[in-house]
Every structure is written in C-alpha cells, then in structure tokens.
C-alpha cells in the first residue's frame, strides 16, 4: 500500500508513511490518512518519507494543506527521513523554513 498511517502513542503523533512515489495520484489517500483522526486526538503529524523515492510539486502542496490543517488546532508537522533526492526537492522549495525536517 503506497500510504499507511498509524497513531504512535510514544510520540503522540499520527504517522503517515509514503512508499515509492509521492505525487498527485496520492492526493485522496493522503487526505484520508490525516482526516481519519480527530484534531482533538492528535495535532502532531509525522510524514515518514524513508521509503519515498520521488516527490513532485503537488506533493509539496499536499504537505502544505496538512500543515494548514494542523495549525488550525495549534499542531505541527514533521517530515522524517527523506532520501537525498526528496530532501533536495524540499530544500529547493525552502520547506525547512516552514516544517521541521528530521534526517
């Protein structure tokens, strides 16, 4: 499955893992992954990109929509373990200024 999600009790966060490509075809599944949980349950979202090999500009937009969703309830978004090529896309878009990126 290209997108999986689970609630991590230890981190008190919803973890969304994306395998292979993160592009427009993932839009609905990505939105469903973070919409399935009530903001009162979690306001911290972790996007796990450890197995993501490709990301396009629509994926950047989806991350920004998640950030907006999180900020509506004083939450935050963290991007975890991006590959070098995915990190380059994030850095070109200067996402490090908006979102915590953990290598």
N, C-alpha and C. Protein backbone atom coordinates (compact mmCIF):
# COMPACT_ATOMS: atom_id res chain seq x y z
N UNK A 1 0.85 -1.18 0.00
CA UNK A 1 0.00 0.00 0.00
C UNK A 1 0.89 1.25 0.00
N UNK A 2 0.66 2.16 -0.90
CA UNK A 2 1.54 3.34 -1.02
C UNK A 2 1.50 4.28 0.18
N UNK A 3 0.36 4.39 0.86
CA UNK A 3 0.25 5.26 2.04
C UNK A 3 -0.35 4.45 3.18
N UNK A 4 0.36 4.48 4.31
CA UNK A 4 -0.15 3.85 5.52
C UNK A 4 -0.09 4.88 6.64
N UNK A 5 -0.95 4.71 7.61
CA UNK A 5 -0.91 5.63 8.75
C UNK A 5 -1.26 4.87 10.02
N UNK A 6 -0.69 5.36 11.11
CA UNK A 6 -0.98 4.80 12.43
C UNK A 6 -0.70 5.85 13.48
N UNK A 7 -1.36 5.70 14.61
CA UNK A 7 -1.13 6.63 15.71
C UNK A 7 -0.02 6.08 16.58
N UNK A 8 1.03 6.87 16.81
CA UNK A 8 2.16 6.48 17.64
C UNK A 8 1.97 7.08 19.03
N UNK A 9 1.64 6.23 19.99
CA UNK A 9 1.38 6.69 21.36
C UNK A 9 2.60 7.38 21.96
N UNK A 10 3.78 6.80 21.75
CA UNK A 10 5.00 7.34 22.35
C UNK A 10 5.26 8.78 21.90
N UNK A 11 5.03 9.04 20.61
CA UNK A 11 5.28 10.38 20.07
C UNK A 11 4.03 11.25 20.09
N UNK A 12 2.91 10.63 20.45
CA UNK A 12 1.62 11.31 20.42
C UNK A 12 1.42 12.00 19.08
N UNK A 13 1.58 11.20 18.03
CA UNK A 13 1.50 11.75 16.67
C UNK A 13 0.89 10.74 15.72
N UNK A 14 0.24 11.26 14.70
CA UNK A 14 -0.22 10.42 13.61
C UNK A 14 0.93 10.33 12.61
N UNK A 15 1.39 9.11 12.35
CA UNK A 15 2.49 8.89 11.43
C UNK A 15 1.91 8.46 10.09
N UNK A 16 2.26 9.19 9.04
CA UNK A 16 1.81 8.87 7.68
C UNK A 16 3.05 8.48 6.89
N UNK A 17 3.12 7.22 6.48
CA UNK A 17 4.27 6.72 5.73
C UNK A 17 3.90 6.62 4.25
N UNK A 18 4.79 7.11 3.41
CA UNK A 18 4.55 7.12 1.97
C UNK A 18 5.63 6.31 1.29
N UNK A 19 5.22 5.28 0.56
CA UNK A 19 6.16 4.42 -0.16
C UNK A 19 6.25 4.86 -1.62
N UNK A 20 7.43 4.72 -2.15
CA UNK A 20 7.72 4.97 -3.56
C UNK A 20 7.48 6.41 -3.97
N UNK A 21 6.44 6.66 -4.77
CA UNK A 21 6.24 8.00 -5.32
C UNK A 21 5.17 8.77 -4.55
N UNK A 22 5.47 10.03 -4.30
CA UNK A 22 4.51 10.93 -3.65
C UNK A 22 4.16 11.99 -4.68
N UNK A 23 3.03 11.79 -5.36
CA UNK A 23 2.63 12.69 -6.43
C UNK A 23 1.11 12.88 -6.39
N UNK A 24 0.58 13.53 -7.40
CA UNK A 24 -0.84 13.88 -7.41
C UNK A 24 -1.75 12.66 -7.27
N UNK A 25 -1.32 11.52 -7.75
CA UNK A 25 -2.16 10.32 -7.66
C UNK A 25 -2.43 9.91 -6.21
N UNK A 26 -1.65 10.44 -5.28
CA UNK A 26 -1.79 10.11 -3.86
C UNK A 26 -2.70 11.10 -3.11
N UNK A 27 -3.21 12.10 -3.80
CA UNK A 27 -3.95 13.18 -3.15
C UNK A 27 -5.06 12.67 -2.23
N UNK A 28 -5.96 11.87 -2.76
CA UNK A 28 -7.11 11.41 -1.97
C UNK A 28 -6.66 10.54 -0.80
N UNK A 29 -5.76 9.61 -1.04
CA UNK A 29 -5.29 8.71 0.02
C UNK A 29 -4.56 9.48 1.11
N UNK A 30 -3.79 10.50 0.73
CA UNK A 30 -3.06 11.30 1.71
C UNK A 30 -4.04 12.08 2.59
N UNK A 31 -5.03 12.69 1.96
CA UNK A 31 -6.02 13.46 2.73
C UNK A 31 -6.79 12.54 3.68
N UNK A 32 -7.17 11.37 3.20
CA UNK A 32 -7.88 10.42 4.05
C UNK A 32 -7.02 9.97 5.23
N UNK A 33 -5.72 9.85 5.01
CA UNK A 33 -4.82 9.39 6.07
C UNK A 33 -4.81 10.34 7.25
N UNK A 34 -4.83 11.65 6.99
CA UNK A 34 -4.82 12.58 8.12
C UNK A 34 -6.21 13.02 8.56
N UNK A 35 -7.20 12.82 7.73
CA UNK A 35 -8.56 13.22 8.10
C UNK A 35 -9.25 12.16 8.95
N UNK A 36 -8.68 10.96 8.99
CA UNK A 36 -9.31 9.87 9.73
C UNK A 36 -9.26 10.07 11.24
N UNK A 37 -8.41 10.96 11.69
CA UNK A 37 -8.24 11.16 13.12
C UNK A 37 -8.70 12.57 13.48
N UNK A 38 -9.39 12.68 14.56
CA UNK A 38 -9.91 13.96 15.04
C UNK A 38 -8.76 14.83 15.55
N UNK A 39 -8.80 16.12 15.26
CA UNK A 39 -7.74 17.03 15.73
C UNK A 39 -7.61 17.04 17.25
N UNK A 40 -8.66 16.65 17.95
CA UNK A 40 -8.55 16.61 19.41
C UNK A 40 -7.71 15.41 19.86
N UNK A 41 -7.58 14.40 19.00
CA UNK A 41 -6.76 13.24 19.32
C UNK A 41 -5.29 13.51 19.03
N UNK A 42 -5.03 14.17 17.92
CA UNK A 42 -3.64 14.42 17.54
C UNK A 42 -3.53 15.72 16.79
N UNK A 43 -2.56 16.51 17.18
CA UNK A 43 -2.27 17.73 16.44
C UNK A 43 -0.84 17.70 15.93
N UNK A 44 -0.16 16.56 16.14
CA UNK A 44 1.19 16.38 15.62
C UNK A 44 1.12 15.31 14.54
N UNK A 45 1.64 15.65 13.39
CA UNK A 45 1.63 14.75 12.25
C UNK A 45 3.07 14.54 11.80
N UNK A 46 3.45 13.29 11.60
CA UNK A 46 4.78 12.95 11.11
C UNK A 46 4.61 12.32 9.73
N UNK A 47 5.26 12.91 8.74
CA UNK A 47 5.25 12.34 7.39
C UNK A 47 6.55 11.58 7.24
N UNK A 48 6.46 10.26 7.19
CA UNK A 48 7.63 9.40 7.09
C UNK A 48 7.94 9.16 5.61
N UNK A 49 9.05 9.73 5.16
CA UNK A 49 9.44 9.62 3.75
C UNK A 49 10.63 8.69 3.55
N UNK A 50 10.88 7.81 4.50
CA UNK A 50 12.04 6.92 4.42
C UNK A 50 12.02 6.05 3.16
N UNK A 51 10.83 5.67 2.70
CA UNK A 51 10.72 4.80 1.52
C UNK A 51 10.19 5.54 0.30
N UNK A 52 10.24 6.86 0.34
CA UNK A 52 9.76 7.66 -0.78
C UNK A 52 10.93 7.96 -1.71
N UNK A 53 10.77 7.60 -2.98
CA UNK A 53 11.86 7.79 -3.94
C UNK A 53 11.66 8.99 -4.84
N UNK A 54 10.43 9.50 -4.91
CA UNK A 54 10.13 10.61 -5.83
C UNK A 54 9.04 11.47 -5.21
N UNK A 55 9.18 12.78 -5.37
CA UNK A 55 8.17 13.72 -4.90
C UNK A 55 8.04 14.84 -5.92
N UNK A 56 6.80 15.21 -6.27
CA UNK A 56 6.62 16.31 -7.20
C UNK A 56 5.98 17.51 -6.49
N UNK A 57 5.71 18.55 -7.25
CA UNK A 57 5.20 19.79 -6.65
C UNK A 57 3.81 19.62 -6.05
N UNK A 58 3.01 18.71 -6.58
CA UNK A 58 1.69 18.50 -5.97
C UNK A 58 1.83 17.90 -4.58
N UNK A 59 2.86 17.10 -4.35
CA UNK A 59 3.11 16.56 -3.01
C UNK A 59 3.46 17.69 -2.05
N UNK A 60 4.20 18.67 -2.53
CA UNK A 60 4.51 19.83 -1.69
C UNK A 60 3.22 20.54 -1.28
N UNK A 61 2.32 20.68 -2.22
CA UNK A 61 1.03 21.30 -1.93
C UNK A 61 0.23 20.51 -0.91
N UNK A 62 0.27 19.19 -1.01
CA UNK A 62 -0.45 18.34 -0.05
C UNK A 62 0.13 18.50 1.35
N UNK A 63 1.45 18.61 1.44
CA UNK A 63 2.09 18.81 2.74
C UNK A 63 1.66 20.15 3.33
N UNK A 64 1.57 21.17 2.48
CA UNK A 64 1.12 22.48 2.96
C UNK A 64 -0.33 22.44 3.44
N UNK A 65 -1.17 21.67 2.77
CA UNK A 65 -2.56 21.52 3.23
C UNK A 65 -2.61 20.83 4.58
N UNK A 66 -1.76 19.82 4.78
CA UNK A 66 -1.70 19.16 6.08
C UNK A 66 -1.20 20.13 7.14
N UNK A 67 -0.22 20.94 6.80
CA UNK A 67 0.29 21.94 7.75
C UNK A 67 -0.82 22.90 8.16
N UNK A 68 -1.60 23.36 7.19
CA UNK A 68 -2.73 24.26 7.47
C UNK A 68 -3.74 23.57 8.39
N UNK A 69 -4.02 22.32 8.12
CA UNK A 69 -4.93 21.52 8.94
C UNK A 69 -4.41 21.41 10.37
N UNK A 70 -3.12 21.15 10.52
CA UNK A 70 -2.51 21.02 11.85
C UNK A 70 -2.51 22.36 12.59
N UNK A 71 -2.14 23.42 11.89
CA UNK A 71 -2.07 24.73 12.53
C UNK A 71 -3.43 25.23 13.01
N UNK A 72 -4.49 24.76 12.39
CA UNK A 72 -5.84 25.16 12.81
C UNK A 72 -6.13 24.76 14.25
N UNK A 73 -5.40 23.76 14.74
CA UNK A 73 -5.58 23.34 16.14
C UNK A 73 -4.25 23.40 16.89
N UNK A 74 -3.42 24.39 16.54
CA UNK A 74 -2.12 24.61 17.17
C UNK A 74 -1.22 23.39 17.08
N UNK A 75 -1.30 22.67 15.99
CA UNK A 75 -0.49 21.48 15.80
C UNK A 75 0.76 21.75 15.00
N UNK A 76 1.43 20.67 14.64
CA UNK A 76 2.65 20.80 13.85
C UNK A 76 2.82 19.59 12.95
N UNK A 77 3.67 19.76 11.95
CA UNK A 77 4.00 18.70 11.01
C UNK A 77 5.51 18.52 11.03
N UNK A 78 5.94 17.27 11.04
CA UNK A 78 7.35 16.93 10.96
C UNK A 78 7.55 16.00 9.77
N UNK A 79 8.58 16.26 8.99
CA UNK A 79 8.94 15.37 7.90
C UNK A 79 10.13 14.55 8.38
N UNK A 80 10.02 13.23 8.26
CA UNK A 80 11.02 12.33 8.80
C UNK A 80 11.70 11.52 7.70
N UNK A 81 13.01 11.47 7.76
CA UNK A 81 13.86 10.57 6.97
C UNK A 81 13.72 10.68 5.45
N UNK A 82 13.71 11.89 4.89
CA UNK A 82 13.65 11.97 3.42
C UNK A 82 14.96 11.50 2.79
N UNK A 83 14.85 10.87 1.63
CA UNK A 83 16.06 10.49 0.88
C UNK A 83 16.75 11.75 0.39
N UNK A 84 17.95 11.61 -0.11
CA UNK A 84 18.69 12.78 -0.61
C UNK A 84 17.93 13.50 -1.72
N UNK A 85 17.35 12.73 -2.65
CA UNK A 85 16.65 13.37 -3.77
C UNK A 85 15.37 14.07 -3.30
N UNK A 86 14.66 13.48 -2.36
CA UNK A 86 13.45 14.10 -1.83
C UNK A 86 13.82 15.32 -0.99
N UNK A 87 14.88 15.21 -0.21
CA UNK A 87 15.34 16.35 0.59
C UNK A 87 15.70 17.53 -0.31
N UNK A 88 16.30 17.25 -1.45
CA UNK A 88 16.67 18.32 -2.38
C UNK A 88 15.42 19.08 -2.84
N UNK A 89 14.35 18.35 -3.15
CA UNK A 89 13.09 18.99 -3.56
C UNK A 89 12.56 19.87 -2.42
N UNK A 90 12.59 19.34 -1.21
CA UNK A 90 12.11 20.10 -0.04
C UNK A 90 12.95 21.35 0.18
N UNK A 91 14.26 21.23 0.02
CA UNK A 91 15.15 22.38 0.23
C UNK A 91 14.99 23.44 -0.86
N UNK A 92 14.80 23.01 -2.09
CA UNK A 92 14.59 23.97 -3.18
C UNK A 92 13.33 24.79 -2.91
N UNK A 93 12.31 24.13 -2.37
CA UNK A 93 11.05 24.81 -2.02
C UNK A 93 11.14 25.52 -0.67
N UNK A 94 12.28 25.42 -0.02
CA UNK A 94 12.55 26.04 1.28
C UNK A 94 11.57 25.60 2.37
N UNK A 95 11.21 24.34 2.34
CA UNK A 95 10.29 23.80 3.33
C UNK A 95 10.89 23.77 4.73
N UNK A 96 12.21 23.78 4.83
CA UNK A 96 12.84 23.78 6.15
C UNK A 96 12.48 25.03 6.94
N UNK A 97 12.01 26.07 6.26
CA UNK A 97 11.58 27.29 6.94
C UNK A 97 10.17 27.16 7.52
N UNK A 98 9.42 26.18 7.02
CA UNK A 98 8.02 26.01 7.43
C UNK A 98 7.77 24.79 8.30
N UNK A 99 8.56 23.76 8.05
CA UNK A 99 8.31 22.45 8.65
C UNK A 99 9.61 21.87 9.16
N UNK A 100 9.55 21.22 10.32
CA UNK A 100 10.71 20.54 10.87
C UNK A 100 11.03 19.32 10.00
N UNK A 101 12.25 19.25 9.51
CA UNK A 101 12.69 18.12 8.70
C UNK A 101 13.77 17.38 9.47
N UNK A 102 13.50 16.11 9.77
CA UNK A 102 14.44 15.28 10.51
C UNK A 102 15.08 14.28 9.58
N UNK A 103 16.41 14.35 9.52
CA UNK A 103 17.16 13.40 8.68
C UNK A 103 17.30 12.13 9.46
